[in-house]
PDB file of N, CA and C in Angstrom:
ATOM      1  N   MET A   1     -15.374  -4.900 -10.313  1.00  0.00           N
ATOM      2  CA  MET A   1     -15.955  -3.584 -10.286  1.00  0.00           C
ATOM      3  C   MET A   1     -17.035  -3.450 -11.357  1.00  0.00           C
ATOM      4  N   ARG A   2     -16.869  -4.139 -12.467  1.00  0.00           N
ATOM      5  CA  ARG A   2     -17.850  -4.017 -13.559  1.00  0.00           C
ATOM      6  C   ARG A   2     -19.262  -4.364 -13.113  1.00  0.00           C
ATOM      7  N   PRO A   3     -19.483  -5.474 -12.386  1.00  0.00           N
ATOM      8  CA  PRO A   3     -20.859  -5.770 -11.961  1.00  0.00           C
ATOM      9  C   PRO A   3     -21.461  -4.667 -11.085  1.00  0.00           C
ATOM     10  N   VAL A   4     -20.640  -4.037 -10.275  1.00  0.00           N
ATOM     11  CA  VAL A   4     -21.131  -2.951  -9.416  1.00  0.00           C
ATOM     12  C   VAL A   4     -21.517  -1.747 -10.268  1.00  0.00           C
ATOM     13  N   LEU A   5     -20.671  -1.369 -11.212  1.00  0.00           N
ATOM     14  CA  LEU A   5     -20.960  -0.210 -12.050  1.00  0.00           C
ATOM     15  C   LEU A   5     -22.174  -0.440 -12.949  1.00  0.00           C
ATOM     16  N   ASP A   6     -22.468  -1.706 -13.245  1.00  0.00           N
ATOM     17  CA  ASP A   6     -23.608  -2.023 -14.098  1.00  0.00           C
ATOM     18  C   ASP A   6     -24.924  -2.186 -13.337  1.00  0.00           C
ATOM     19  N   LEU A   7     -24.883  -2.071 -12.011  1.00  0.00           N
ATOM     20  CA  LEU A   7     -26.112  -2.210 -11.226  1.00  0.00           C
ATOM     21  C   LEU A   7     -27.123  -1.126 -11.608  1.00  0.00           C
ATOM     22  N   PRO A   8     -28.407  -1.472 -11.654  1.00  0.00           N
ATOM     23  CA  PRO A   8     -29.416  -0.436 -11.867  1.00  0.00           C
ATOM     24  C   PRO A   8     -29.423   0.519 -10.668  1.00  0.00           C
ATOM     25  N   ILE A   9     -29.819   1.745 -10.892  1.00  0.00           N
ATOM     26  CA  ILE A   9     -29.806   2.763  -9.838  1.00  0.00           C
ATOM     27  C   ILE A   9     -30.564   2.286  -8.603  1.00  0.00           C
ATOM     28  N   SER A  10     -31.629   1.539  -8.793  1.00  0.00           N
ATOM     29  CA  SER A  10     -32.430   1.082  -7.655  1.00  0.00           C
ATOM     30  C   SER A  10     -31.673   0.125  -6.737  1.00  0.00           C
ATOM     31  N   HIS A  11     -30.568  -0.446  -7.197  1.00  0.00           N
ATOM     32  CA  HIS A  11     -29.785  -1.387  -6.394  1.00  0.00           C
ATOM     33  C   HIS A  11     -28.513  -0.768  -5.820  1.00  0.00           C
ATOM     34  N   ARG A  12     -28.283   0.489  -6.085  1.00  0.00           N
ATOM     35  CA  ARG A  12     -27.067   1.156  -5.623  1.00  0.00           C
ATOM     36  C   ARG A  12     -27.314   1.795  -4.262  1.00  0.00           C
ATOM     37  N   ASN A  13     -27.125   1.025  -3.212  1.00  0.00           N
ATOM     38  CA  ASN A  13     -27.340   1.566  -1.876  1.00  0.00           C
ATOM     39  C   ASN A  13     -26.109   2.338  -1.403  1.00  0.00           C
ATOM     40  N   ASN A  14     -26.214   2.954  -0.256  1.00  0.00           N
ATOM     41  CA  ASN A  14     -25.129   3.798   0.261  1.00  0.00           C
ATOM     42  C   ASN A  14     -23.832   3.009   0.431  1.00  0.00           C
ATOM     43  N   GLY A  15     -23.914   1.780   0.909  1.00  0.00           N
ATOM     44  CA  GLY A  15     -22.719   0.966   1.096  1.00  0.00           C
ATOM     45  C   GLY A  15     -21.977   0.718  -0.204  1.00  0.00           C
ATOM     46  N   ILE A  16     -22.713   0.464  -1.267  1.00  0.00           N
ATOM     47  CA  ILE A  16     -22.108   0.241  -2.579  1.00  0.00           C
ATOM     48  C   ILE A  16     -21.455   1.513  -3.084  1.00  0.00           C
ATOM     49  N   VAL A  17     -22.131   2.632  -2.936  1.00  0.00           N
ATOM     50  CA  VAL A  17     -21.581   3.911  -3.394  1.00  0.00           C
ATOM     51  C   VAL A  17     -20.311   4.248  -2.620  1.00  0.00           C
ATOM     52  N   VAL A  18     -20.327   4.076  -1.309  1.00  0.00           N
ATOM     53  CA  VAL A  18     -19.150   4.369  -0.480  1.00  0.00           C
ATOM     54  C   VAL A  18     -17.986   3.460  -0.871  1.00  0.00           C
ATOM     55  N   SER A  19     -18.262   2.184  -1.079  1.00  0.00           N
ATOM     56  CA  SER A  19     -17.201   1.258  -1.475  1.00  0.00           C
ATOM     57  C   SER A  19     -16.613   1.620  -2.830  1.00  0.00           C
ATOM     58  N   ALA A  20     -17.447   2.012  -3.767  1.00  0.00           N
ATOM     59  CA  ALA A  20     -16.950   2.433  -5.083  1.00  0.00           C
ATOM     60  C   ALA A  20     -16.057   3.661  -4.950  1.00  0.00           C
ATOM     61  N   GLN A  21     -16.441   4.592  -4.091  1.00  0.00           N
ATOM     62  CA  GLN A  21     -15.616   5.789  -3.883  1.00  0.00           C
ATOM     63  C   GLN A  21     -14.275   5.433  -3.241  1.00  0.00           C
ATOM     64  N   ARG A  22     -14.249   4.430  -2.391  1.00  0.00           N
ATOM     65  CA  ARG A  22     -12.980   3.977  -1.795  1.00  0.00           C
ATOM     66  C   ARG A  22     -12.060   3.405  -2.865  1.00  0.00           C
ATOM     67  N   VAL A  23     -12.629   2.643  -3.785  1.00  0.00           N
ATOM     68  CA  VAL A  23     -11.829   2.105  -4.889  1.00  0.00           C
ATOM     69  C   VAL A  23     -11.258   3.262  -5.703  1.00  0.00           C
ATOM     70  N   ARG A  24     -12.086   4.257  -6.005  1.00  0.00           N
ATOM     71  CA  ARG A  24     -11.621   5.420  -6.764  1.00  0.00           C
ATOM     72  C   ARG A  24     -10.463   6.108  -6.053  1.00  0.00           C
ATOM     73  N   GLN A  25     -10.570   6.273  -4.741  1.00  0.00           N
ATOM     74  CA  GLN A  25      -9.498   6.920  -3.979  1.00  0.00           C
ATOM     75  C   GLN A  25      -8.201   6.123  -4.058  1.00  0.00           C
ATOM     76  N   GLU A  26      -8.300   4.800  -3.989  1.00  0.00           N
ATOM     77  CA  GLU A  26      -7.099   3.965  -4.070  1.00  0.00           C
ATOM     78  C   GLU A  26      -6.465   4.040  -5.454  1.00  0.00           C
ATOM     79  N   LEU A  27      -7.291   4.207  -6.480  1.00  0.00           N
ATOM     80  CA  LEU A  27      -6.763   4.314  -7.842  1.00  0.00           C
ATOM     81  C   LEU A  27      -6.035   5.632  -8.077  1.00  0.00           C
ATOM     82  N   GLU A  28      -6.181   6.584  -7.177  1.00  0.00           N
ATOM     83  CA  GLU A  28      -5.496   7.869  -7.298  1.00  0.00           C
ATOM     84  C   GLU A  28      -4.120   7.842  -6.652  1.00  0.00           C
ATOM     85  N   ARG A  29      -3.770   6.741  -6.007  1.00  0.00           N
ATOM     86  CA  ARG A  29      -2.508   6.645  -5.274  1.00  0.00           C
ATOM     87  C   ARG A  29      -1.522   5.745  -5.993  1.00  0.00           C
ATOM     88  N   GLY A  30      -0.269   5.926  -5.651  1.00  0.00           N
ATOM     89  CA  GLY A  30       0.789   5.016  -6.063  1.00  0.00           C
ATOM     90  C   GLY A  30       0.984   4.884  -7.561  1.00  0.00           C
ATOM     91  N   PRO A  31       1.608   3.773  -7.948  1.00  0.00           N
ATOM     92  CA  PRO A  31       2.006   3.598  -9.343  1.00  0.00           C
ATOM     93  C   PRO A  31       0.840   3.415 -10.315  1.00  0.00           C
ATOM     94  N   VAL A  32      -0.318   3.003  -9.843  1.00  0.00           N
ATOM     95  CA  VAL A  32      -1.450   2.812 -10.763  1.00  0.00           C
ATOM     96  C   VAL A  32      -2.090   4.136 -11.179  1.00  0.00           C
ATOM     97  N   HIS A  33      -1.736   5.202 -10.514  1.00  0.00           N
ATOM     98  CA  HIS A  33      -2.368   6.506 -10.752  1.00  0.00           C
ATOM     99  C   HIS A  33      -2.393   6.888 -12.228  1.00  0.00           C
ATOM    100  N   SER A  34      -1.305   6.661 -12.938  1.00  0.00           N
ATOM    101  CA  SER A  34      -1.223   7.117 -14.328  1.00  0.00           C
ATOM    102  C   SER A  34      -1.581   6.045 -15.351  1.00  0.00           C
ATOM    103  N   ALA A  35      -1.906   4.831 -14.910  1.00  0.00           N
ATOM    104  CA  ALA A  35      -2.268   3.769 -15.841  1.00  0.00           C
ATOM    105  C   ALA A  35      -3.597   4.096 -16.529  1.00  0.00           C
ATOM    106  N   MET A  36      -3.675   3.815 -17.818  1.00  0.00           N
ATOM    107  CA  MET A  36      -4.865   4.141 -18.592  1.00  0.00           C
ATOM    108  C   MET A  36      -6.106   3.438 -18.029  1.00  0.00           C
ATOM    109  N   VAL A  37      -5.978   2.179 -17.673  1.00  0.00           N
ATOM    110  CA  VAL A  37      -7.119   1.434 -17.127  1.00  0.00           C
ATOM    111  C   VAL A  37      -7.591   2.080 -15.833  1.00  0.00           C
ATOM    112  N   ALA A  38      -6.660   2.493 -14.981  1.00  0.00           N
ATOM    113  CA  ALA A  38      -7.026   3.143 -13.720  1.00  0.00           C
ATOM    114  C   ALA A  38      -7.723   4.474 -13.986  1.00  0.00           C
ATOM    115  N   ARG A  39      -7.235   5.235 -14.939  1.00  0.00           N
ATOM    116  CA  ARG A  39      -7.881   6.523 -15.265  1.00  0.00           C
ATOM    117  C   ARG A  39      -9.293   6.303 -15.774  1.00  0.00           C
ATOM    118  N   ASP A  40      -9.473   5.311 -16.652  1.00  0.00           N
ATOM    119  CA  ASP A  40     -10.812   5.028 -17.185  1.00  0.00           C
ATOM    120  C   ASP A  40     -11.768   4.581 -16.085  1.00  0.00           C
ATOM    121  N   LEU A  41     -11.285   3.718 -15.199  1.00  0.00           N
ATOM    122  CA  LEU A  41     -12.127   3.237 -14.106  1.00  0.00           C
ATOM    123  C   LEU A  41     -12.481   4.369 -13.150  1.00  0.00           C
ATOM    124  N   ARG A  42     -11.516   5.243 -12.853  1.00  0.00           N
ATOM    125  CA  ARG A  42     -11.808   6.405 -11.995  1.00  0.00           C
ATOM    126  C   ARG A  42     -12.903   7.261 -12.608  1.00  0.00           C
ATOM    127  N   ALA A  43     -12.828   7.479 -13.918  1.00  0.00           N
ATOM    128  CA  ALA A  43     -13.844   8.294 -14.597  1.00  0.00           C
ATOM    129  C   ALA A  43     -15.221   7.642 -14.498  1.00  0.00           C
ATOM    130  N   GLU A  44     -15.282   6.332 -14.658  1.00  0.00           N
ATOM    131  CA  GLU A  44     -16.569   5.635 -14.537  1.00  0.00           C
ATOM    132  C   GLU A  44     -17.126   5.741 -13.122  1.00  0.00           C
ATOM    133  N   ILE A  45     -16.251   5.593 -12.132  1.00  0.00           N
ATOM    134  CA  ILE A  45     -16.700   5.675 -10.745  1.00  0.00           C
ATOM    135  C   ILE A  45     -17.152   7.099 -10.419  1.00  0.00           C
ATOM    136  N   GLU A  46     -16.466   8.098 -10.953  1.00  0.00           N
ATOM    137  CA  GLU A  46     -16.874   9.486 -10.718  1.00  0.00           C
ATOM    138  C   GLU A  46     -18.258   9.753 -11.282  1.00  0.00           C
ATOM    139  N   ALA A  47     -18.613   9.072 -12.364  1.00  0.00           N
ATOM    140  CA  ALA A  47     -19.940   9.242 -12.967  1.00  0.00           C
ATOM    141  C   ALA A  47     -21.015   8.461 -12.212  1.00  0.00           C
ATOM    142  N   PHE A  48     -20.600   7.550 -11.334  1.00  0.00           N
ATOM    143  CA  PHE A  48     -21.515   6.758 -10.516  1.00  0.00           C
ATOM    144  C   PHE A  48     -22.248   7.719  -9.583  1.00  0.00           C
ATOM    145  N   PRO A  49     -23.579   7.657  -9.499  1.00  0.00           N
ATOM    146  CA  PRO A  49     -24.304   8.618  -8.652  1.00  0.00           C
ATOM    147  C   PRO A  49     -23.838   8.573  -7.197  1.00  0.00           C
ATOM    148  N   ALA A  50     -23.662   9.742  -6.627  1.00  0.00           N
ATOM    149  CA  ALA A  50     -23.180   9.850  -5.232  1.00  0.00           C
ATOM    150  C   ALA A  50     -24.249   9.476  -4.218  1.00  0.00           C
ATOM    151  N   SER A  51     -25.498   9.643  -4.588  1.00  0.00           N
ATOM    152  CA  SER A  51     -26.577   9.295  -3.660  1.00  0.00           C
ATOM    153  C   SER A  51     -27.850   8.992  -4.440  1.00  0.00           C
ATOM    154  N   ARG A  52     -28.755   8.376  -3.769  1.00  0.00           N
ATOM    155  CA  ARG A  52     -30.065   8.109  -4.339  1.00  0.00           C
ATOM    156  C   ARG A  52     -31.061   8.096  -3.200  1.00  0.00           C
ATOM    157  N   PRO A  53     -32.336   8.297  -3.464  1.00  0.00           N
ATOM    158  CA  PRO A  53     -33.328   8.243  -2.389  1.00  0.00           C
ATOM    159  C   PRO A  53     -33.350   6.863  -1.749  1.00  0.00           C
ATOM    160  N   ALA A  54     -33.564   6.821  -0.455  1.00  0.00           N
ATOM    161  CA  ALA A  54     -33.612   5.549   0.257  1.00  0.00           C
ATOM    162  C   ALA A  54     -34.810   4.721  -0.170  1.00  0.00           C
ATOM    163  N   LEU A  55     -35.928   5.369  -0.414  1.00  0.00           N
ATOM    164  CA  LEU A  55     -37.147   4.690  -0.836  1.00  0.00           C
ATOM    165  C   LEU A  55     -37.696   5.374  -2.071  1.00  0.00           C
ATOM    166  N   PRO A  56     -38.322   4.596  -2.948  1.00  0.00           N
ATOM    167  CA  PRO A  56     -38.948   5.229  -4.109  1.00  0.00           C
ATOM    168  C   PRO A  56     -40.052   6.177  -3.677  1.00  0.00           C
ATOM    169  N   GLN A  57     -40.182   7.286  -4.374  1.00  0.00           N
ATOM    170  CA  GLN A  57     -41.236   8.248  -4.043  1.00  0.00           C
ATOM    171  C   GLN A  57     -42.558   7.718  -4.528  1.00  0.00           C
ATOM    172  N   GLY A  58     -43.606   8.003  -3.763  1.00  0.00           N
ATOM    173  CA  GLY A  58     -44.931   7.596  -4.214  1.00  0.00           C
ATOM    174  C   GLY A  58     -45.710   6.950  -3.214  1.00  0.00           C
TER     175      GLY A  58
END
């Protein structure tokens, strides 16, 4: 997950964002829900931009 979270905004396409959100959803379930590492990772994924322009403006 670290390489994905470290991607520059220009490389974060919709597929990457959707996949990151799926990971976040899974971290909210089951026994990992309260683990400190899971909470920290969820917070990082929540800060991951939800969308970006498809093409640079200009």
